[in-house]
N, C-alpha and C. Protein backbone atom coordinates (compact mmCIF):
# COMPACT_ATOMS: atom_id res chain seq x y z
N MET A 1 176.04 -36.34 -82.66
CA MET A 1 176.41 -35.10 -82.18
C MET A 1 176.63 -33.94 -83.00
N ASP A 2 176.55 -32.59 -82.77
CA ASP A 2 176.46 -31.62 -83.39
C ASP A 2 177.94 -30.60 -83.32
N VAL A 3 177.99 -29.93 -83.70
CA VAL A 3 179.15 -29.37 -83.46
C VAL A 3 179.45 -28.47 -82.19
N HIS A 4 178.34 -28.22 -80.79
CA HIS A 4 178.67 -28.18 -79.87
C HIS A 4 179.00 -29.47 -78.96
N GLY A 5 178.78 -30.19 -79.66
CA GLY A 5 179.09 -31.81 -78.76
C GLY A 5 178.05 -32.33 -78.04
N GLU A 6 176.52 -31.83 -78.53
CA GLU A 6 175.43 -32.30 -77.61
C GLU A 6 174.73 -33.14 -78.75
N SER A 7 174.38 -34.52 -78.03
CA SER A 7 173.67 -35.37 -78.44
C SER A 7 171.83 -34.94 -79.12
N ASP A 8 171.18 -35.87 -79.65
CA ASP A 8 170.00 -35.22 -79.88
C ASP A 8 169.27 -35.31 -78.67
N GLU A 9 169.51 -36.49 -77.67
CA GLU A 9 168.91 -36.26 -76.15
C GLU A 9 169.03 -35.31 -75.56
N THR A 10 170.44 -34.69 -75.44
CA THR A 10 170.71 -33.54 -74.80
C THR A 10 170.21 -32.09 -75.42
N LEU A 11 169.72 -32.12 -76.51
CA LEU A 11 169.15 -31.09 -77.28
C LEU A 11 167.65 -30.91 -76.82
N LEU A 12 167.10 -32.15 -76.90
CA LEU A 12 165.62 -32.23 -76.62
C LEU A 12 165.12 -32.14 -75.22
N ALA A 13 166.30 -32.30 -74.43
CA ALA A 13 166.11 -32.13 -73.13
C ALA A 13 166.19 -30.63 -72.37
N ALA A 14 166.84 -29.90 -73.15
CA ALA A 14 167.00 -28.51 -72.99
C ALA A 14 165.28 -27.79 -73.64
N ARG A 15 165.71 -26.93 -72.47
CA ARG A 15 164.19 -26.04 -72.79
C ARG A 15 163.87 -24.85 -73.42
N ASP A 16 165.32 -24.51 -74.12
CA ASP A 16 165.37 -23.16 -74.51
C ASP A 16 164.95 -23.27 -76.23
N ALA A 17 164.49 -22.24 -77.34
CA ALA A 17 163.91 -22.20 -78.36
C ALA A 17 165.69 -22.53 -79.08
N ALA A 18 166.22 -22.09 -78.55
CA ALA A 18 167.72 -22.12 -79.49
C ALA A 18 168.45 -23.31 -79.59
N THR A 19 167.93 -24.01 -78.39
CA THR A 19 168.60 -25.79 -78.54
C THR A 19 167.62 -26.41 -79.26
N PHE A 20 166.20 -25.95 -79.24
CA PHE A 20 165.74 -26.96 -80.26
C PHE A 20 165.80 -26.90 -81.42
N GLU A 21 166.33 -25.19 -82.07
CA GLU A 21 166.30 -25.14 -83.13
C GLU A 21 167.45 -26.04 -83.96
N ARG A 22 168.81 -26.13 -82.86
CA ARG A 22 169.71 -26.87 -83.38
C ARG A 22 169.18 -28.37 -83.59
N PHE A 23 168.13 -28.90 -82.59
CA PHE A 23 167.89 -30.29 -83.28
C PHE A 23 167.22 -30.40 -84.64
N TYR A 24 166.25 -29.44 -84.62
CA TYR A 24 165.72 -29.05 -86.05
C TYR A 24 166.68 -28.70 -87.11
N ARG A 25 167.52 -27.87 -86.89
CA ARG A 25 168.34 -28.34 -88.12
C ARG A 25 169.19 -29.32 -88.30
N ARG A 26 169.38 -30.09 -87.20
CA ARG A 26 170.25 -31.39 -87.39
C ARG A 26 169.35 -32.28 -88.40
N HIS A 27 167.94 -32.37 -88.26
CA HIS A 27 167.08 -33.64 -88.85
C HIS A 27 166.38 -32.88 -89.90
N VAL A 28 166.43 -31.41 -90.31
CA VAL A 28 164.95 -31.40 -91.20
C VAL A 28 165.75 -31.50 -92.75
N ASP A 29 166.54 -31.71 -93.05
CA ASP A 29 166.74 -32.22 -94.46
C ASP A 29 166.44 -33.42 -94.46
N GLU A 30 167.05 -34.30 -93.41
CA GLU A 30 166.54 -35.96 -93.64
C GLU A 30 165.10 -36.33 -93.90
N LEU A 31 164.26 -35.32 -92.73
CA LEU A 31 162.96 -35.40 -92.57
C LEU A 31 162.14 -34.95 -94.30
N LEU A 32 162.71 -34.05 -94.55
CA LEU A 32 162.19 -33.61 -95.60
C LEU A 32 161.97 -34.52 -96.98
N GLY A 33 163.22 -35.42 -96.85
CA GLY A 33 163.72 -36.31 -97.72
C GLY A 33 162.58 -37.44 -97.34
N PHE A 34 162.38 -37.88 -95.94
CA PHE A 34 161.65 -39.36 -95.83
C PHE A 34 160.00 -38.89 -96.37
N PHE A 35 159.70 -37.55 -96.08
CA PHE A 35 158.32 -36.87 -96.83
C PHE A 35 158.16 -37.14 -98.30
N VAL A 36 159.19 -36.32 -98.73
CA VAL A 36 158.96 -36.46 -100.44
C VAL A 36 158.94 -37.67 -100.71
N ARG A 37 159.92 -38.62 -100.36
CA ARG A 37 160.04 -39.89 -100.53
C ARG A 37 158.48 -40.70 -101.00
N ARG A 38 157.74 -40.41 -99.40
CA ARG A 38 156.34 -40.88 -99.52
C ARG A 38 155.18 -40.38 -100.18
N THR A 39 155.56 -38.97 -100.52
CA THR A 39 154.44 -38.40 -100.78
C THR A 39 154.52 -37.95 -102.20
N ARG A 40 155.81 -37.80 -102.83
CA ARG A 40 155.85 -37.52 -104.04
C ARG A 40 155.77 -35.83 -104.64
N ASP A 41 155.61 -35.26 -103.59
CA ASP A 41 155.16 -33.98 -103.33
C ASP A 41 155.99 -33.01 -102.75
N ALA A 42 156.86 -32.03 -103.36
CA ALA A 42 157.84 -31.33 -102.30
C ALA A 42 157.22 -30.35 -101.48
N GLY A 43 156.01 -29.69 -101.89
CA GLY A 43 154.87 -28.81 -100.80
C GLY A 43 154.45 -29.58 -99.80
N LEU A 44 154.05 -30.62 -100.43
CA LEU A 44 153.26 -31.46 -99.18
C LEU A 44 154.25 -31.68 -97.90
N ALA A 45 155.49 -32.20 -98.87
CA ALA A 45 156.51 -32.80 -97.76
C ALA A 45 156.93 -31.66 -96.91
N ALA A 46 156.97 -30.43 -97.11
CA ALA A 46 157.46 -29.09 -96.25
C ALA A 46 156.50 -28.75 -95.52
N ASP A 47 154.99 -29.10 -95.67
CA ASP A 47 154.07 -28.85 -94.79
C ASP A 47 154.07 -30.06 -93.72
N LEU A 48 154.79 -31.41 -94.18
CA LEU A 48 154.71 -32.15 -93.15
C LEU A 48 155.97 -32.14 -92.45
N THR A 49 156.62 -31.78 -92.54
CA THR A 49 157.96 -31.39 -91.87
C THR A 49 157.58 -30.05 -91.01
N ALA A 50 157.14 -29.39 -91.31
CA ALA A 50 156.78 -28.01 -90.31
C ALA A 50 155.93 -28.88 -89.34
N GLU A 51 154.60 -29.47 -89.80
CA GLU A 51 153.71 -30.11 -88.66
C GLU A 51 154.52 -31.26 -87.79
N THR A 52 155.29 -31.89 -88.33
CA THR A 52 156.10 -32.64 -87.40
C THR A 52 156.89 -32.24 -86.25
N PHE A 53 157.73 -30.88 -86.92
CA PHE A 53 158.21 -30.15 -85.89
C PHE A 53 157.51 -29.53 -84.85
N ALA A 54 156.36 -28.85 -85.23
CA ALA A 54 155.47 -28.09 -84.31
C ALA A 54 155.19 -29.16 -83.18
N ALA A 55 154.96 -30.54 -83.60
CA ALA A 55 154.41 -31.60 -82.82
C ALA A 55 155.49 -32.24 -81.80
N ALA A 56 156.97 -32.11 -82.12
CA ALA A 56 157.99 -32.32 -81.34
C ALA A 56 158.20 -31.35 -80.53
N LEU A 57 157.94 -30.21 -80.91
CA LEU A 57 158.48 -28.82 -80.35
C LEU A 57 157.44 -28.99 -79.10
N ALA A 58 155.90 -29.28 -78.95
CA ALA A 58 155.10 -29.60 -78.01
C ALA A 58 155.40 -30.48 -77.13
N ALA A 59 155.91 -31.97 -77.55
CA ALA A 59 155.73 -32.70 -76.82
C ALA A 59 157.19 -33.00 -76.45
N ARG A 60 158.13 -32.28 -76.60
CA ARG A 60 159.55 -32.63 -76.41
C ARG A 60 159.76 -33.20 -74.56
N ARG A 61 159.07 -32.25 -73.96
CA ARG A 61 158.94 -32.74 -72.68
C ARG A 61 158.71 -33.77 -71.75
N ARG A 62 158.13 -34.77 -73.06
CA ARG A 62 157.28 -36.04 -72.71
C ARG A 62 158.55 -36.79 -73.01
N TYR A 63 159.32 -36.53 -74.18
CA TYR A 63 160.62 -37.63 -74.37
C TYR A 63 161.32 -38.15 -73.50
N ARG A 64 161.54 -39.35 -73.33
CA ARG A 64 162.15 -39.90 -72.80
C ARG A 64 163.40 -41.07 -73.08
N PRO A 65 164.48 -40.41 -72.98
CA PRO A 65 165.90 -40.91 -73.54
C PRO A 65 166.00 -42.59 -73.60
N ALA A 66 165.26 -43.24 -72.21
CA ALA A 66 165.25 -44.40 -71.70
C ALA A 66 164.50 -45.31 -73.04
N ASN A 67 163.20 -44.36 -73.65
CA ASN A 67 162.33 -45.04 -74.35
C ASN A 67 163.23 -45.15 -75.77
N GLY A 68 164.50 -44.75 -76.08
CA GLY A 68 164.60 -45.13 -77.55
C GLY A 68 165.55 -43.71 -77.94
N ALA A 69 166.30 -43.64 -79.09
CA ALA A 69 167.01 -42.83 -79.49
C ALA A 69 165.57 -41.54 -80.00
N ALA A 70 166.31 -40.31 -80.16
CA ALA A 70 165.62 -39.23 -80.03
C ALA A 70 165.30 -38.88 -81.65
N GLY A 71 166.50 -39.39 -82.24
CA GLY A 71 165.64 -39.77 -83.97
C GLY A 71 164.45 -40.35 -84.36
N ALA A 72 164.78 -41.58 -83.48
CA ALA A 72 163.62 -42.31 -83.67
C ALA A 72 162.38 -42.19 -83.44
N TRP A 73 162.50 -41.29 -81.96
CA TRP A 73 161.33 -40.75 -81.60
C TRP A 73 160.70 -39.81 -82.52
N LEU A 74 161.62 -38.75 -83.15
CA LEU A 74 161.14 -37.61 -84.44
C LEU A 74 160.49 -38.61 -85.50
N TYR A 75 160.87 -39.56 -85.77
CA TYR A 75 160.42 -40.40 -87.12
C TYR A 75 159.27 -41.15 -86.40
N GLY A 76 158.87 -41.40 -85.20
CA GLY A 76 157.72 -41.92 -85.03
C GLY A 76 156.23 -40.87 -85.02
N ILE A 77 156.57 -39.47 -84.71
CA ILE A 77 156.07 -38.62 -84.94
C ILE A 77 155.65 -37.96 -86.41
N ALA A 78 157.03 -38.51 -87.09
CA ALA A 78 156.63 -38.01 -88.47
C ALA A 78 155.80 -39.13 -89.21
N LEU A 79 155.46 -40.40 -88.79
CA LEU A 79 154.89 -41.30 -89.18
C LEU A 79 153.70 -41.27 -88.88
N GLU A 80 153.17 -40.69 -87.17
CA GLU A 80 152.08 -40.28 -87.29
C GLU A 80 151.51 -39.10 -88.23
N THR A 81 152.02 -38.03 -88.18
CA THR A 81 151.97 -37.30 -89.18
C THR A 81 151.62 -37.19 -90.54
N LEU A 82 152.34 -38.14 -91.16
CA LEU A 82 151.64 -38.59 -92.37
C LEU A 82 150.60 -39.35 -92.30
N VAL A 83 150.34 -40.22 -91.67
CA VAL A 83 149.12 -41.09 -91.56
C VAL A 83 147.95 -40.26 -91.07
N ASP A 84 148.27 -39.48 -90.50
CA ASP A 84 147.00 -38.04 -89.81
C ASP A 84 146.66 -37.46 -91.43
N ALA A 85 147.54 -37.06 -92.04
CA ALA A 85 147.12 -35.93 -93.21
C ALA A 85 146.77 -37.17 -94.14
N GLN A 86 147.13 -37.94 -94.42
CA GLN A 86 146.25 -38.99 -95.30
C GLN A 86 145.04 -39.49 -95.16
N ARG A 87 144.78 -39.53 -93.81
CA ARG A 87 143.49 -39.66 -93.17
C ARG A 87 142.70 -38.91 -93.39
N ARG A 88 143.18 -37.46 -93.37
CA ARG A 88 142.27 -36.19 -93.39
C ARG A 88 142.52 -35.47 -95.03
N GLY A 89 143.31 -35.99 -95.55
CA GLY A 89 143.42 -35.63 -96.89
C GLY A 89 144.52 -33.91 -96.82
N GLY A 90 145.10 -33.97 -96.27
CA GLY A 90 146.16 -32.79 -96.09
C GLY A 90 146.76 -32.42 -94.99
N VAL A 91 147.30 -31.36 -94.41
CA VAL A 91 147.77 -30.92 -93.49
C VAL A 91 147.12 -30.14 -92.55
N GLU A 92 147.75 -30.09 -91.53
CA GLU A 92 146.92 -29.41 -90.23
C GLU A 92 147.36 -28.22 -90.18
N PRO A 93 146.35 -27.06 -90.36
CA PRO A 93 146.87 -25.76 -90.38
C PRO A 93 147.23 -25.26 -88.63
N ARG A 94 146.45 -26.25 -87.80
CA ARG A 94 146.81 -25.98 -86.35
C ARG A 94 148.27 -26.06 -86.34
N ALA A 95 149.35 -26.74 -86.99
CA ALA A 95 150.77 -26.75 -86.86
C ALA A 95 151.20 -25.52 -86.93
N GLN A 96 150.75 -24.61 -88.28
CA GLN A 96 151.53 -23.87 -88.66
C GLN A 96 151.01 -22.59 -87.54
N ARG A 97 149.76 -22.77 -86.80
CA ARG A 97 149.43 -21.39 -85.91
C ARG A 97 150.04 -21.57 -84.60
N ARG A 98 150.41 -22.98 -84.24
CA ARG A 98 151.43 -23.46 -82.92
C ARG A 98 152.79 -22.56 -83.29
N LEU A 99 153.15 -22.58 -84.36
CA LEU A 99 154.82 -22.10 -84.70
C LEU A 99 154.37 -20.54 -84.99
N GLY A 100 153.16 -20.01 -84.83
CA GLY A 100 153.37 -18.51 -85.29
C GLY A 100 152.95 -18.16 -86.70
N MET A 101 153.09 -18.94 -87.68
CA MET A 101 153.47 -18.61 -88.84
C MET A 101 152.15 -18.84 -89.82
N GLY A 102 152.40 -18.47 -90.84
CA GLY A 102 151.11 -18.51 -91.96
C GLY A 102 151.81 -19.74 -92.90
N ARG A 103 151.07 -19.80 -93.93
CA ARG A 103 151.32 -20.82 -95.14
C ARG A 103 152.71 -20.58 -95.65
N ILE A 104 153.71 -20.98 -95.78
CA ILE A 104 154.76 -20.56 -96.47
C ILE A 104 154.95 -21.62 -97.71
N ALA A 105 154.83 -20.73 -98.94
CA ALA A 105 154.86 -21.15 -100.09
C ALA A 105 156.43 -21.52 -100.59
N PRO A 106 156.95 -22.67 -100.85
CA PRO A 106 158.40 -22.89 -101.43
C PRO A 106 158.41 -22.18 -102.72
N THR A 107 159.71 -21.84 -102.88
CA THR A 107 159.85 -21.43 -104.14
C THR A 107 160.53 -22.49 -105.06
N ASP A 108 160.53 -22.31 -106.24
CA ASP A 108 160.57 -23.58 -107.08
C ASP A 108 162.08 -23.91 -106.44
N ARG A 109 163.22 -23.05 -106.23
CA ARG A 109 164.21 -23.33 -105.82
C ARG A 109 164.28 -24.59 -104.57
N ASP A 110 163.35 -23.91 -103.91
CA ASP A 110 163.06 -24.95 -102.27
C ASP A 110 162.48 -25.83 -102.99
N LEU A 111 161.60 -26.34 -103.96
CA LEU A 111 160.92 -27.36 -103.87
C LEU A 111 162.04 -28.46 -105.01
N ALA A 112 163.13 -27.89 -105.76
CA ALA A 112 163.89 -28.72 -106.33
C ALA A 112 164.69 -29.24 -105.34
N ARG A 113 165.22 -28.49 -104.38
CA ARG A 113 166.45 -28.89 -102.89
C ARG A 113 165.24 -29.91 -102.63
N ILE A 114 164.26 -29.77 -101.99
CA ILE A 114 163.13 -30.69 -101.34
C ILE A 114 163.54 -32.20 -102.23
N GLU A 115 162.94 -32.04 -103.51
CA GLU A 115 162.95 -33.10 -104.25
C GLU A 115 163.98 -33.92 -104.30
N ALA A 116 165.39 -33.51 -104.19
CA ALA A 116 166.65 -33.95 -104.14
C ALA A 116 166.70 -34.64 -103.00
N LEU A 117 166.35 -33.70 -101.90
CA LEU A 117 166.26 -34.90 -100.46
C LEU A 117 165.60 -36.46 -100.65
N GLY A 118 164.54 -36.48 -101.52
CA GLY A 118 163.98 -37.85 -101.39
C GLY A 118 165.22 -38.49 -101.60
N GLU A 119 166.17 -38.38 -102.10
CA GLU A 119 167.22 -39.48 -102.60
C GLU A 119 168.27 -39.91 -101.41
N ASN A 120 167.99 -39.04 -100.34
CA ASN A 120 169.03 -39.66 -98.82
C ASN A 120 168.21 -40.44 -98.13
N ARG A 121 169.06 -41.62 -97.91
CA ARG A 121 168.68 -43.17 -97.27
C ARG A 121 168.98 -42.83 -95.75
N ARG A 122 169.51 -41.91 -95.58
CA ARG A 122 170.14 -41.65 -94.20
C ARG A 122 169.07 -41.97 -93.29
N PRO A 123 167.77 -41.57 -93.49
CA PRO A 123 166.65 -41.92 -92.39
C PRO A 123 166.30 -43.35 -91.63
N THR A 124 167.08 -44.23 -92.71
CA THR A 124 166.53 -45.62 -92.39
C THR A 124 167.55 -45.89 -91.03
N LEU A 125 168.43 -45.21 -90.74
CA LEU A 125 169.01 -45.59 -89.56
C LEU A 125 168.04 -45.50 -88.29
N TRP A 126 167.34 -44.51 -88.50
CA TRP A 126 166.39 -43.96 -87.50
C TRP A 126 165.34 -44.87 -87.57
N ILE A 127 164.83 -45.19 -88.54
CA ILE A 127 163.89 -46.24 -88.72
C ILE A 127 164.24 -47.43 -88.15
N GLY A 128 165.20 -48.06 -88.36
CA GLY A 128 165.69 -49.27 -87.80
C GLY A 128 165.72 -49.32 -86.04
N ARG A 129 165.62 -48.39 -85.55
CA ARG A 129 165.42 -47.96 -84.48
C ARG A 129 164.25 -48.18 -83.53
N LEU A 130 163.22 -48.18 -84.54
CA LEU A 130 161.35 -47.91 -84.21
C LEU A 130 161.28 -49.92 -83.79
N ALA A 131 160.56 -50.06 -83.17
CA ALA A 131 159.71 -51.41 -83.00
C ALA A 131 159.19 -51.95 -84.63
N SER A 132 159.31 -53.12 -84.53
CA SER A 132 158.92 -53.68 -85.37
C SER A 132 157.95 -53.11 -86.46
N ASP A 133 156.63 -53.12 -85.76
CA ASP A 133 155.49 -52.84 -86.30
C ASP A 133 155.53 -51.13 -86.91
N GLY A 134 156.39 -50.54 -86.02
CA GLY A 134 156.63 -48.96 -86.48
C GLY A 134 157.50 -49.12 -87.68
N ARG A 135 158.22 -49.98 -87.53
CA ARG A 135 159.44 -50.07 -89.27
C ARG A 135 158.65 -50.40 -90.31
N GLU A 136 157.76 -51.47 -90.15
CA GLU A 136 156.93 -51.83 -90.86
C GLU A 136 156.12 -50.38 -91.57
N ALA A 137 155.60 -49.85 -90.69
CA ALA A 137 154.52 -49.19 -91.16
C ALA A 137 155.34 -47.76 -92.06
N VAL A 138 156.45 -47.68 -91.42
CA VAL A 138 156.96 -46.16 -92.05
C VAL A 138 157.91 -46.64 -93.43
N ARG A 139 157.97 -48.07 -93.67
CA ARG A 139 158.43 -48.70 -95.05
C ARG A 139 157.43 -48.05 -95.83
N GLN A 140 156.05 -48.76 -95.65
CA GLN A 140 154.87 -48.12 -96.59
C GLN A 140 155.10 -47.34 -97.03
N ARG A 141 154.58 -47.00 -98.39
CA ARG A 141 154.62 -46.05 -99.15
C ARG A 141 152.80 -45.92 -99.43
N PRO A 142 152.54 -44.55 -99.12
CA PRO A 142 151.12 -44.47 -99.82
C PRO A 142 150.77 -45.10 -101.20
N GLY A 143 149.66 -46.09 -101.39
CA GLY A 143 149.37 -46.41 -102.38
C GLY A 143 149.82 -48.00 -102.40
N ASP A 144 150.43 -48.34 -101.52
CA ASP A 144 151.23 -49.38 -101.55
C ASP A 144 150.45 -50.86 -100.75
N GLY A 145 149.27 -50.41 -100.46
CA GLY A 145 148.03 -51.39 -99.92
C GLY A 145 148.14 -51.18 -98.33
N ALA A 146 148.86 -49.85 -98.00
CA ALA A 146 148.68 -49.66 -96.48
C ALA A 146 147.74 -48.57 -96.41
């Protein structure tokens, strides 16, 4: 729940941008940490985070609470984003276009903050709610034979 007493599921069910922004703010740091731990690249982690939220924004109408927690749903999208980026060797500029923004170059301060987020282990709560094959895939790190 956030300061407004809203669950993630309620935030995703709303159709306005301000409500999705609250969902974004609630999860952005955890997601950045998730990506920086897996890529060991703060700039790439920031790009993957933006791409994940762009996909979540586009897909939020398809989210169904009966299928699982909203945080687990978001990490499912994050996993797909990571796998797709590894497959194609980078992030998708299309996500930035969907958000109506160009490439944002993080400052050194931003990169240091993002790298520090790599130490946050809270996302494991969401990952634990994924199906067993999803959990295993998320726990794999690039270069671990996955």
